[in-house]
Amino acid sequence: MLIIFGELPGSGKSTIAQSLAREIKALYLRVDSLEQAIRSSGMLAADVGPAGYMAMYRVAADNLRLGHVVIVDSVNPIEITRTAFQEVALHASAPFLEVEVVCSDVAIHRHRVETRFSPVEGLTPPTWREVEMLEYEPWIDPHIRLDTALLSVEQSVAKVVAAIQSAAAQAKA
C-alpha cells in the first residue's frame, strides 16, 4: 500500500507520517530529504525542480513492488503530483490512500512554521511568508483529511490506521 501525505509546511504532516511509519513498520520517504541530497550532490542549482518528486516516485515504486507499505511525505501541492503518486501505486499493483493534513487555526500553523527546525541537514525551512505564497490546489479525489488544530498526533494516526484496515477489509470482500 502507498500512503500519500500532503499539505503545506508546518501543518503536522511529517510528524503524523513518521509516527504512522513507526506504528505500522512502513518505509518512510520524505521529499525534503531527497531534494536536499540532490542539492548537496552539487549536480543541480538550489532549485531542484521536480527532481525530488521524480526520485521519490521511483524509490516508492521499487519498494511497493517488493511488497512494502510505503509512506510518502511531501507538500504534494498540485493535482499532477497527486495523480503521479496514484499512478506509481497502480503500476506497482498496490492500493493507495491519500491523506491531507491541514491546520485550520492560522495562529497555530504560523507558530509552527516560525519556530520549527529542519531535521534534514542543510535544509532551511520555509518562512511563514513563503508558506502563504505556495501554490496549493484543492484536493479533488477522495481522501482522509486530518485537522491538526483539532486532532492530536495519536488521534490522527488512529484515523489513518482505521482507514488502512477498512481498505484492507474492502479489498478482501
N, C-alpha and C. Protein backbone atom coordinates (compact mmCIF):
# COMPACT_ATOMS: atom_id res chain seq x y z
N MET A 1 0.84 -1.18 0.00
CA MET A 1 0.00 0.00 0.00
C MET A 1 0.88 1.24 0.00
N LEU A 2 0.46 2.25 -0.76
CA LEU A 2 1.13 3.55 -0.78
C LEU A 2 0.24 4.53 -0.02
N ILE A 3 0.80 5.15 1.01
CA ILE A 3 0.07 6.15 1.79
C ILE A 3 0.68 7.50 1.44
N ILE A 4 -0.13 8.34 0.83
CA ILE A 4 0.31 9.59 0.23
C ILE A 4 -0.10 10.76 1.12
N PHE A 5 0.88 11.38 1.78
CA PHE A 5 0.62 12.54 2.62
C PHE A 5 0.88 13.82 1.84
N GLY A 6 0.14 14.86 2.18
CA GLY A 6 0.37 16.16 1.56
C GLY A 6 -0.27 17.27 2.35
N GLU A 7 0.23 18.46 2.16
CA GLU A 7 -0.31 19.73 2.68
C GLU A 7 0.83 20.69 2.88
N LEU A 8 0.53 21.87 3.32
CA LEU A 8 1.51 22.93 3.49
C LEU A 8 2.53 22.61 4.58
N PRO A 9 3.74 23.17 4.46
CA PRO A 9 4.73 23.02 5.54
C PRO A 9 4.15 23.53 6.86
N GLY A 10 4.47 22.84 7.93
CA GLY A 10 4.02 23.24 9.26
C GLY A 10 2.64 22.76 9.64
N SER A 11 1.99 22.01 8.75
CA SER A 11 0.64 21.52 9.05
C SER A 11 0.66 20.36 10.04
N GLY A 12 1.79 19.66 10.12
CA GLY A 12 1.90 18.50 11.00
C GLY A 12 2.01 17.19 10.25
N LYS A 13 2.08 17.24 8.93
CA LYS A 13 2.08 16.01 8.14
C LYS A 13 3.29 15.13 8.40
N SER A 14 4.48 15.72 8.53
CA SER A 14 5.67 14.89 8.76
C SER A 14 5.62 14.22 10.12
N THR A 15 5.15 14.93 11.11
CA THR A 15 5.04 14.36 12.46
C THR A 15 4.08 13.16 12.44
N ILE A 16 2.95 13.32 11.79
CA ILE A 16 1.97 12.23 11.71
C ILE A 16 2.49 11.10 10.85
N ALA A 17 3.07 11.43 9.69
CA ALA A 17 3.58 10.39 8.78
C ALA A 17 4.68 9.56 9.45
N GLN A 18 5.58 10.21 10.17
CA GLN A 18 6.64 9.49 10.86
C GLN A 18 6.10 8.62 11.98
N SER A 19 5.14 9.14 12.72
CA SER A 19 4.53 8.35 13.80
C SER A 19 3.79 7.14 13.23
N LEU A 20 3.09 7.34 12.13
CA LEU A 20 2.40 6.23 11.46
C LEU A 20 3.41 5.20 10.97
N ALA A 21 4.50 5.64 10.37
CA ALA A 21 5.52 4.72 9.86
C ALA A 21 6.08 3.85 10.98
N ARG A 22 6.32 4.47 12.14
CA ARG A 22 6.80 3.69 13.29
C ARG A 22 5.75 2.67 13.73
N GLU A 23 4.50 3.11 13.79
CA GLU A 23 3.44 2.22 14.29
C GLU A 23 3.18 1.03 13.39
N ILE A 24 3.16 1.26 12.07
CA ILE A 24 2.82 0.15 11.17
C ILE A 24 4.06 -0.45 10.49
N LYS A 25 5.23 0.01 10.89
CA LYS A 25 6.50 -0.51 10.36
C LYS A 25 6.58 -0.34 8.84
N ALA A 26 6.28 0.87 8.37
CA ALA A 26 6.30 1.17 6.94
C ALA A 26 7.57 1.89 6.55
N LEU A 27 7.90 1.83 5.29
CA LEU A 27 9.00 2.61 4.73
C LEU A 27 8.54 4.06 4.63
N TYR A 28 9.37 4.99 5.07
CA TYR A 28 9.03 6.41 5.08
C TYR A 28 9.94 7.17 4.12
N LEU A 29 9.34 7.89 3.18
CA LEU A 29 10.10 8.70 2.22
C LEU A 29 9.66 10.15 2.35
N ARG A 30 10.64 11.03 2.53
CA ARG A 30 10.35 12.46 2.68
C ARG A 30 11.01 13.22 1.54
N VAL A 31 10.23 13.97 0.78
CA VAL A 31 10.78 14.69 -0.37
C VAL A 31 11.85 15.69 0.04
N ASP A 32 11.71 16.32 1.21
CA ASP A 32 12.73 17.27 1.67
C ASP A 32 14.10 16.62 1.75
N SER A 33 14.16 15.38 2.23
CA SER A 33 15.43 14.66 2.34
C SER A 33 16.02 14.38 0.97
N LEU A 34 15.18 13.93 0.04
CA LEU A 34 15.65 13.65 -1.31
C LEU A 34 16.12 14.91 -2.01
N GLU A 35 15.35 15.99 -1.89
CA GLU A 35 15.73 17.25 -2.53
C GLU A 35 17.04 17.79 -1.96
N GLN A 36 17.21 17.70 -0.64
CA GLN A 36 18.46 18.20 -0.05
C GLN A 36 19.64 17.35 -0.48
N ALA A 37 19.45 16.05 -0.62
CA ALA A 37 20.53 15.18 -1.10
C ALA A 37 20.93 15.57 -2.52
N ILE A 38 19.95 15.89 -3.35
CA ILE A 38 20.23 16.32 -4.72
C ILE A 38 21.01 17.64 -4.70
N ARG A 39 20.56 18.60 -3.88
CA ARG A 39 21.28 19.88 -3.75
C ARG A 39 22.71 19.66 -3.28
N SER A 40 22.87 18.82 -2.27
CA SER A 40 24.19 18.58 -1.67
C SER A 40 25.15 17.88 -2.63
N SER A 41 24.59 17.19 -3.63
CA SER A 41 25.45 16.50 -4.60
C SER A 41 26.19 17.47 -5.50
N GLY A 42 25.68 18.70 -5.59
CA GLY A 42 26.30 19.70 -6.45
C GLY A 42 25.93 19.54 -7.92
N MET A 43 25.07 18.59 -8.22
CA MET A 43 24.69 18.35 -9.61
C MET A 43 23.70 19.39 -10.15
N LEU A 44 22.92 19.97 -9.26
CA LEU A 44 21.91 20.94 -9.68
C LEU A 44 22.03 22.21 -8.86
N ALA A 45 21.45 23.26 -9.37
CA ALA A 45 21.39 24.52 -8.63
C ALA A 45 20.45 24.37 -7.44
N ALA A 46 20.28 25.44 -6.69
CA ALA A 46 19.43 25.41 -5.49
C ALA A 46 18.01 24.94 -5.79
N ASP A 47 17.47 25.30 -6.96
CA ASP A 47 16.12 24.88 -7.32
C ASP A 47 16.20 23.52 -8.01
N VAL A 48 15.83 22.48 -7.32
CA VAL A 48 15.92 21.14 -7.88
C VAL A 48 14.73 20.79 -8.76
N GLY A 49 13.75 21.70 -8.83
CA GLY A 49 12.59 21.44 -9.68
C GLY A 49 11.89 20.16 -9.29
N PRO A 50 11.50 19.36 -10.28
CA PRO A 50 10.77 18.12 -9.98
C PRO A 50 11.66 16.94 -9.59
N ALA A 51 12.98 17.13 -9.50
CA ALA A 51 13.90 16.01 -9.28
C ALA A 51 13.58 15.22 -8.01
N GLY A 52 13.27 15.90 -6.91
CA GLY A 52 12.96 15.21 -5.66
C GLY A 52 11.72 14.34 -5.78
N TYR A 53 10.68 14.88 -6.42
CA TYR A 53 9.46 14.10 -6.62
C TYR A 53 9.72 12.91 -7.54
N MET A 54 10.49 13.13 -8.61
CA MET A 54 10.78 12.05 -9.55
C MET A 54 11.55 10.93 -8.83
N ALA A 55 12.51 11.30 -8.01
CA ALA A 55 13.27 10.29 -7.25
C ALA A 55 12.35 9.55 -6.29
N MET A 56 11.45 10.29 -5.64
CA MET A 56 10.53 9.67 -4.69
C MET A 56 9.60 8.68 -5.39
N TYR A 57 9.10 9.03 -6.57
CA TYR A 57 8.23 8.11 -7.32
C TYR A 57 8.96 6.80 -7.58
N ARG A 58 10.22 6.87 -7.99
CA ARG A 58 10.98 5.66 -8.34
C ARG A 58 11.26 4.80 -7.11
N VAL A 59 11.70 5.44 -6.03
CA VAL A 59 12.02 4.68 -4.81
C VAL A 59 10.75 4.06 -4.23
N ALA A 60 9.65 4.81 -4.26
CA ALA A 60 8.37 4.26 -3.78
C ALA A 60 7.96 3.06 -4.62
N ALA A 61 8.05 3.19 -5.94
CA ALA A 61 7.65 2.09 -6.83
C ALA A 61 8.48 0.84 -6.58
N ASP A 62 9.80 1.01 -6.44
CA ASP A 62 10.67 -0.14 -6.17
C ASP A 62 10.23 -0.88 -4.91
N ASN A 63 9.93 -0.12 -3.87
CA ASN A 63 9.57 -0.73 -2.59
C ASN A 63 8.15 -1.29 -2.57
N LEU A 64 7.24 -0.67 -3.30
CA LEU A 64 5.89 -1.24 -3.43
C LEU A 64 5.95 -2.59 -4.13
N ARG A 65 6.77 -2.69 -5.17
CA ARG A 65 6.89 -3.96 -5.89
C ARG A 65 7.50 -5.06 -5.02
N LEU A 66 8.24 -4.66 -4.00
CA LEU A 66 8.79 -5.63 -3.05
C LEU A 66 7.78 -6.02 -1.96
N GLY A 67 6.60 -5.38 -2.00
CA GLY A 67 5.55 -5.70 -1.04
C GLY A 67 5.55 -4.86 0.22
N HIS A 68 6.36 -3.80 0.24
CA HIS A 68 6.41 -2.94 1.42
C HIS A 68 5.26 -1.93 1.44
N VAL A 69 4.83 -1.56 2.63
CA VAL A 69 3.96 -0.41 2.79
C VAL A 69 4.87 0.80 2.76
N VAL A 70 4.52 1.78 1.93
CA VAL A 70 5.35 2.96 1.74
C VAL A 70 4.54 4.20 2.08
N ILE A 71 5.13 5.07 2.89
CA ILE A 71 4.53 6.36 3.23
C ILE A 71 5.36 7.44 2.55
N VAL A 72 4.71 8.29 1.75
CA VAL A 72 5.40 9.40 1.12
C VAL A 72 4.93 10.70 1.75
N ASP A 73 5.89 11.57 2.03
CA ASP A 73 5.64 12.82 2.76
C ASP A 73 6.18 13.98 1.92
N SER A 74 5.26 14.78 1.42
CA SER A 74 5.63 15.94 0.62
C SER A 74 4.49 16.95 0.67
N VAL A 75 4.77 18.16 0.24
CA VAL A 75 3.70 19.15 0.17
C VAL A 75 2.64 18.66 -0.81
N ASN A 76 3.07 18.05 -1.92
CA ASN A 76 2.13 17.46 -2.87
C ASN A 76 1.07 18.49 -3.25
N PRO A 77 1.51 19.66 -3.73
CA PRO A 77 0.63 20.82 -3.82
C PRO A 77 -0.33 20.88 -5.00
N ILE A 78 -0.05 20.10 -6.05
CA ILE A 78 -0.88 20.24 -7.24
C ILE A 78 -1.41 18.88 -7.69
N GLU A 79 -2.48 18.92 -8.43
CA GLU A 79 -3.15 17.69 -8.86
C GLU A 79 -2.20 16.77 -9.63
N ILE A 80 -1.30 17.33 -10.41
CA ILE A 80 -0.41 16.48 -11.22
C ILE A 80 0.50 15.62 -10.34
N THR A 81 0.97 16.14 -9.20
CA THR A 81 1.82 15.33 -8.32
C THR A 81 0.98 14.27 -7.62
N ARG A 82 -0.23 14.61 -7.26
CA ARG A 82 -1.11 13.63 -6.61
C ARG A 82 -1.45 12.49 -7.58
N THR A 83 -1.74 12.84 -8.81
CA THR A 83 -2.03 11.83 -9.83
C THR A 83 -0.80 10.96 -10.08
N ALA A 84 0.37 11.56 -10.09
CA ALA A 84 1.60 10.78 -10.31
C ALA A 84 1.80 9.75 -9.20
N PHE A 85 1.53 10.13 -7.95
CA PHE A 85 1.64 9.16 -6.86
C PHE A 85 0.62 8.03 -7.04
N GLN A 86 -0.60 8.36 -7.42
CA GLN A 86 -1.61 7.33 -7.66
C GLN A 86 -1.14 6.37 -8.75
N GLU A 87 -0.55 6.91 -9.82
CA GLU A 87 -0.06 6.08 -10.92
C GLU A 87 1.08 5.17 -10.47
N VAL A 88 1.94 5.67 -9.58
CA VAL A 88 3.00 4.83 -9.03
C VAL A 88 2.39 3.59 -8.37
N ALA A 89 1.37 3.81 -7.54
CA ALA A 89 0.71 2.68 -6.86
C ALA A 89 0.05 1.75 -7.87
N LEU A 90 -0.67 2.30 -8.82
CA LEU A 90 -1.38 1.48 -9.80
C LEU A 90 -0.41 0.64 -10.62
N HIS A 91 0.71 1.22 -11.04
CA HIS A 91 1.71 0.48 -11.84
C HIS A 91 2.38 -0.61 -11.01
N ALA A 92 2.42 -0.42 -9.71
CA ALA A 92 3.01 -1.44 -8.82
C ALA A 92 1.94 -2.42 -8.31
N SER A 93 0.72 -2.28 -8.83
CA SER A 93 -0.42 -3.12 -8.39
C SER A 93 -0.63 -3.04 -6.89
N ALA A 94 -0.50 -1.83 -6.36
CA ALA A 94 -0.67 -1.61 -4.91
C ALA A 94 -1.82 -0.63 -4.68
N PRO A 95 -2.58 -0.84 -3.62
CA PRO A 95 -3.60 0.15 -3.28
C PRO A 95 -2.94 1.42 -2.75
N PHE A 96 -3.69 2.50 -2.73
CA PHE A 96 -3.16 3.74 -2.17
C PHE A 96 -4.22 4.43 -1.32
N LEU A 97 -3.74 5.24 -0.42
CA LEU A 97 -4.58 6.03 0.47
C LEU A 97 -3.99 7.42 0.52
N GLU A 98 -4.81 8.44 0.28
CA GLU A 98 -4.33 9.82 0.32
C GLU A 98 -4.74 10.48 1.62
N VAL A 99 -3.81 11.23 2.21
CA VAL A 99 -4.04 11.88 3.50
C VAL A 99 -3.62 13.34 3.39
N GLU A 100 -4.60 14.21 3.54
CA GLU A 100 -4.33 15.66 3.55
C GLU A 100 -4.32 16.11 5.02
N VAL A 101 -3.23 16.73 5.42
CA VAL A 101 -3.09 17.19 6.80
C VAL A 101 -3.15 18.71 6.79
N VAL A 102 -4.16 19.26 7.44
CA VAL A 102 -4.33 20.72 7.49
C VAL A 102 -4.25 21.19 8.94
N CYS A 103 -4.02 22.47 9.08
CA CYS A 103 -4.11 23.11 10.39
C CYS A 103 -5.04 24.31 10.21
N SER A 104 -6.27 24.17 10.67
CA SER A 104 -7.30 25.19 10.44
C SER A 104 -7.10 26.45 11.29
N ASP A 105 -6.27 26.37 12.30
CA ASP A 105 -6.00 27.54 13.15
C ASP A 105 -4.75 28.23 12.63
N VAL A 106 -4.93 29.38 11.99
CA VAL A 106 -3.83 30.10 11.35
C VAL A 106 -2.75 30.49 12.37
N ALA A 107 -3.14 30.87 13.56
CA ALA A 107 -2.15 31.26 14.58
C ALA A 107 -1.27 30.07 14.97
N ILE A 108 -1.87 28.90 15.15
CA ILE A 108 -1.10 27.70 15.48
C ILE A 108 -0.19 27.33 14.31
N HIS A 109 -0.75 27.35 13.11
CA HIS A 109 0.03 26.99 11.92
C HIS A 109 1.24 27.94 11.78
N ARG A 110 1.00 29.22 11.89
CA ARG A 110 2.08 30.20 11.76
C ARG A 110 3.16 29.98 12.83
N HIS A 111 2.72 29.73 14.07
CA HIS A 111 3.67 29.49 15.16
C HIS A 111 4.54 28.28 14.85
N ARG A 112 3.93 27.22 14.35
CA ARG A 112 4.70 26.02 14.00
C ARG A 112 5.76 26.33 12.93
N VAL A 113 5.34 27.05 11.91
CA VAL A 113 6.27 27.38 10.83
C VAL A 113 7.42 28.25 11.34
N GLU A 114 7.10 29.21 12.18
CA GLU A 114 8.11 30.17 12.63
C GLU A 114 9.04 29.62 13.70
N THR A 115 8.67 28.53 14.35
CA THR A 115 9.51 28.01 15.44
C THR A 115 10.12 26.64 15.15
N ARG A 116 9.86 26.09 13.99
CA ARG A 116 10.37 24.75 13.73
C ARG A 116 11.79 24.77 13.18
N PHE A 117 12.43 23.64 13.32
CA PHE A 117 13.76 23.45 12.73
C PHE A 117 13.66 22.25 11.80
N SER A 118 14.60 22.15 10.90
CA SER A 118 14.59 21.03 9.97
C SER A 118 15.51 19.93 10.45
N PRO A 119 15.00 18.69 10.50
CA PRO A 119 15.87 17.57 10.83
C PRO A 119 16.76 17.17 9.65
N VAL A 120 16.51 17.76 8.49
CA VAL A 120 17.29 17.46 7.29
C VAL A 120 18.49 18.41 7.25
N GLU A 121 19.68 17.85 7.40
CA GLU A 121 20.90 18.66 7.45
C GLU A 121 21.03 19.53 6.20
N GLY A 122 21.23 20.84 6.43
CA GLY A 122 21.43 21.78 5.34
C GLY A 122 20.15 22.40 4.80
N LEU A 123 19.01 21.90 5.23
CA LEU A 123 17.74 22.41 4.72
C LEU A 123 17.21 23.51 5.63
N THR A 124 16.90 24.65 5.05
CA THR A 124 16.30 25.74 5.79
C THR A 124 14.79 25.69 5.58
N PRO A 125 14.02 25.56 6.65
CA PRO A 125 12.56 25.52 6.48
C PRO A 125 12.03 26.83 5.90
N PRO A 126 10.91 26.77 5.20
CA PRO A 126 10.34 28.00 4.64
C PRO A 126 9.84 28.95 5.72
N THR A 127 9.81 30.21 5.39
CA THR A 127 9.24 31.22 6.28
C THR A 127 7.72 31.17 6.17
N TRP A 128 7.04 31.85 7.10
CA TRP A 128 5.58 31.92 7.04
C TRP A 128 5.14 32.58 5.73
N ARG A 129 5.84 33.62 5.32
CA ARG A 129 5.51 34.31 4.06
C ARG A 129 5.63 33.35 2.88
N GLU A 130 6.67 32.53 2.87
CA GLU A 130 6.85 31.56 1.78
C GLU A 130 5.74 30.51 1.79
N VAL A 131 5.32 30.10 2.98
CA VAL A 131 4.22 29.14 3.07
C VAL A 131 2.94 29.77 2.54
N GLU A 132 2.69 31.01 2.91
CA GLU A 132 1.50 31.70 2.42
C GLU A 132 1.48 31.85 0.91
N MET A 133 2.64 31.96 0.30
CA MET A 133 2.76 32.19 -1.14
C MET A 133 2.75 30.91 -1.98
N LEU A 134 2.85 29.75 -1.33
CA LEU A 134 2.89 28.50 -2.08
C LEU A 134 1.60 28.28 -2.88
N GLU A 135 1.78 27.82 -4.10
CA GLU A 135 0.64 27.42 -4.91
C GLU A 135 0.13 26.10 -4.34
N TYR A 136 -1.14 26.03 -4.03
CA TYR A 136 -1.69 24.81 -3.45
C TYR A 136 -3.11 24.61 -3.99
N GLU A 137 -3.28 23.58 -4.80
CA GLU A 137 -4.58 23.29 -5.39
C GLU A 137 -5.42 22.43 -4.45
N PRO A 138 -6.71 22.68 -4.37
CA PRO A 138 -7.58 21.86 -3.52
C PRO A 138 -7.59 20.40 -3.97
N TRP A 139 -7.77 19.51 -3.02
CA TRP A 139 -7.83 18.08 -3.33
C TRP A 139 -9.20 17.76 -3.92
N ILE A 140 -9.21 16.94 -4.94
CA ILE A 140 -10.45 16.58 -5.62
C ILE A 140 -10.83 15.13 -5.30
N ASP A 141 -9.86 14.24 -5.41
CA ASP A 141 -10.13 12.81 -5.20
C ASP A 141 -10.48 12.52 -3.74
N PRO A 142 -11.19 11.42 -3.49
CA PRO A 142 -11.49 11.04 -2.10
C PRO A 142 -10.20 10.85 -1.31
N HIS A 143 -10.21 11.34 -0.11
CA HIS A 143 -9.02 11.24 0.75
C HIS A 143 -9.42 11.45 2.20
N ILE A 144 -8.48 11.14 3.08
CA ILE A 144 -8.68 11.42 4.50
C ILE A 144 -8.16 12.84 4.75
N ARG A 145 -8.90 13.61 5.50
CA ARG A 145 -8.48 14.97 5.85
C ARG A 145 -8.34 15.04 7.36
N LEU A 146 -7.13 15.36 7.82
CA LEU A 146 -6.86 15.47 9.24
C LEU A 146 -6.58 16.93 9.58
N ASP A 147 -7.25 17.44 10.60
CA ASP A 147 -7.03 18.83 11.04
C ASP A 147 -6.25 18.79 12.35
N THR A 148 -4.99 19.19 12.29
CA THR A 148 -4.13 19.11 13.47
C THR A 148 -4.40 20.20 14.49
N ALA A 149 -5.28 21.12 14.18
CA ALA A 149 -5.73 22.08 15.20
C ALA A 149 -6.77 21.42 16.10
N LEU A 150 -7.36 20.33 15.62
CA LEU A 150 -8.42 19.64 16.36
C LEU A 150 -8.04 18.24 16.84
N LEU A 151 -7.08 17.62 16.16
CA LEU A 151 -6.69 16.24 16.47
C LEU A 151 -5.25 16.17 16.95
N SER A 152 -5.00 15.31 17.90
CA SER A 152 -3.62 15.05 18.33
C SER A 152 -2.93 14.16 17.30
N VAL A 153 -1.64 14.01 17.43
CA VAL A 153 -0.90 13.10 16.56
C VAL A 153 -1.47 11.69 16.71
N GLU A 154 -1.68 11.27 17.94
CA GLU A 154 -2.20 9.92 18.20
C GLU A 154 -3.58 9.72 17.57
N GLN A 155 -4.45 10.70 17.70
CA GLN A 155 -5.78 10.60 17.10
C GLN A 155 -5.68 10.55 15.57
N SER A 156 -4.79 11.34 15.02
CA SER A 156 -4.60 11.36 13.57
C SER A 156 -4.09 10.02 13.07
N VAL A 157 -3.09 9.47 13.74
CA VAL A 157 -2.55 8.16 13.35
C VAL A 157 -3.65 7.10 13.46
N ALA A 158 -4.44 7.14 14.52
CA ALA A 158 -5.52 6.16 14.69
C ALA A 158 -6.52 6.24 13.53
N LYS A 159 -6.82 7.44 13.07
CA LYS A 159 -7.75 7.60 11.93
C LYS A 159 -7.16 6.98 10.65
N VAL A 160 -5.88 7.19 10.44
CA VAL A 160 -5.25 6.62 9.24
C VAL A 160 -5.19 5.09 9.36
N VAL A 161 -4.82 4.58 10.51
CA VAL A 161 -4.78 3.13 10.71
C VAL A 161 -6.17 2.53 10.47
N ALA A 162 -7.22 3.17 10.96
CA ALA A 162 -8.58 2.69 10.74
C ALA A 162 -8.92 2.68 9.25
N ALA A 163 -8.49 3.70 8.54
CA ALA A 163 -8.74 3.76 7.09
C ALA A 163 -7.98 2.65 6.35
N ILE A 164 -6.76 2.37 6.78
CA ILE A 164 -5.97 1.29 6.19
C ILE A 164 -6.68 -0.05 6.41
N GLN A 165 -7.13 -0.27 7.64
CA GLN A 165 -7.83 -1.52 7.97
C GLN A 165 -9.13 -1.64 7.19
N SER A 166 -9.85 -0.54 7.03
CA SER A 166 -11.08 -0.55 6.26
C SER A 166 -10.82 -0.87 4.79
N ALA A 167 -9.77 -0.27 4.24
CA ALA A 167 -9.41 -0.54 2.84
C ALA A 167 -9.01 -2.00 2.65
N ALA A 168 -8.28 -2.56 3.62
CA ALA A 168 -7.88 -3.96 3.54
C ALA A 168 -9.09 -4.88 3.62
N ALA A 169 -10.04 -4.55 4.48
CA ALA A 169 -11.26 -5.36 4.61
C ALA A 169 -12.09 -5.31 3.32
N GLN A 170 -12.16 -4.14 2.72
CA GLN A 170 -12.93 -4.00 1.47
C GLN A 170 -12.26 -4.76 0.33
N ALA A 171 -10.94 -4.79 0.33
CA ALA A 171 -10.19 -5.50 -0.71
C ALA A 171 -10.43 -7.00 -0.61
N LYS A 172 -10.62 -7.51 0.60
CA LYS A 172 -10.88 -8.94 0.81
C LYS A 172 -12.30 -9.33 0.43
N ALA A 173 -13.22 -8.38 0.51
CA ALA A 173 -14.65 -8.66 0.27
C ALA A 173 -14.96 -8.82 -1.21
